Amino acid sequence: MTSLHSVETPAALIDVQRMQRNIERMQTRMDHLGVRFRPHVKTAKCPDVTRAQVAAGARGITVSTLKEAEQFFAAGITDILYAVGIAPDKLPRALALCQRGCDLTLIVDNIDAAHALNDFGKAHGATFEVWIEIDSDGHRAGIKPEDDALPEIAHALQKGGMTLGGVMTHAGSSYDHSTPDALRQIAEQERAAAVRAAQRLREAGLPCPAVSVGSTPTALSAEHLEGVTEVRAGVYVFFDLVMHNVGVCTLDDIALSVLTTVIGHQQEKGWAIVDAGWMAMSRDRGTQKQTHDFGFGQVCTDSGTVLEGYVLSGANQEHGIVSCRVDVDHDIRQRFPIGTRLRILPNHACATGAQHPEYKVLLSDDSIETRPRFYGW
């Protein structure tokens, strides 16, 4: 039986009990709110993780790359939302997926993209289901619910032979909040924007069967989802330090960590050097702008117990620096001898997972199994 002590470091480690608890928490909440749940699989990029989400009750998935769509379709999942505005040069690849039986939905948020879809469809005898992306908070992409372009895009898609399937939005600005009241407000803002956009389309005599919203903070904070048909969320499956600072999970909920080994010391500086640098953790410093800065990650024992005050304070390509946040620990060499195994909780689970070709999955009996993940676009 493979054990944690035999795993070569650095390694991306999934605590399966924590992950399963996170999956069940989210699915139970969505069931209670009476909406379909479509997880975003970009966080793990791992079919085994997604199978656990589907087994809990998820219906369909969200992806951020066509490679994800291809990989998960090959793994047997057919209902896939590609939640990034479609670039015209990717349409042949999207069509190939549809022709193989994938129920692939595309999104647009401007009239030029709609025309490009229509032109491609006409040239290839193709029809895509298309949703219109709504801007609910000024965070990134999408069009405002009251924008005149909304019905214009919808009419253009319908006249061009596309199937107008609905609207979707993502309240990415929810990551900038950290109180229950603020999160409830942004969740309601997200819901209201999507429902209003759907209402405008229907008032114009256009179909809008799907009303899709979602981010991990809003999914876990919404008081009701009247008018919404489905919710999307991704990072909840692992959680991370950013989500901890937002206030939607505890440190003990974080299911992804990087297993690392102490390889040296700078005792006068209070440093322990480990073999997990930014190539293992990523360069993401998402907690830097939040109320609690965890450096490059929170340090835990190899059994997962949080070591309060100790963080991965610095990172080079293959070297990490473990130190105490509040004072120079001159006993660092005795505290973390050469060969000590530690777990580092990540700032951003998606970015940290992306540094690794596979996961080491810690099972309930403390045995380890290896699960593949994939890269690229």
Foldseek 3Di string as FASTA:
>chain_A
DAFPLPDDPFFKEFAVVLLLVLLLVLLVLCVVQPAAEAEEALLQLFLVSVVSNVVNPHAHYEYQDVVSVVVVVVVPHARYEHPDADDLVCVVVVVVSVVVPHLYEHEHAAQVSLVSVLVVCVVVVDEHEYAYEDELDPPDDHHFLPDPRLLVSQVSNVVSRYHDAAYEYELPCLLVAADLVVLQVSLVSQLVRQQSSCVVCVVVVHDHNAREYEEVSSSQRHPHRPSHHYYYYYCSSQPFVSVVLSPRDPLVSHRIWTKWFFAADDLVQLKTKIQAFCLQQPPDQPCPPGPDGQQFFFKAAPVRHGDPQWHQNHGDNGITIIHGNPDRDSCSCVVHPGGGMIITTGHRSSRNSQSDQWYWYQYPVSRTDITGRDDDD
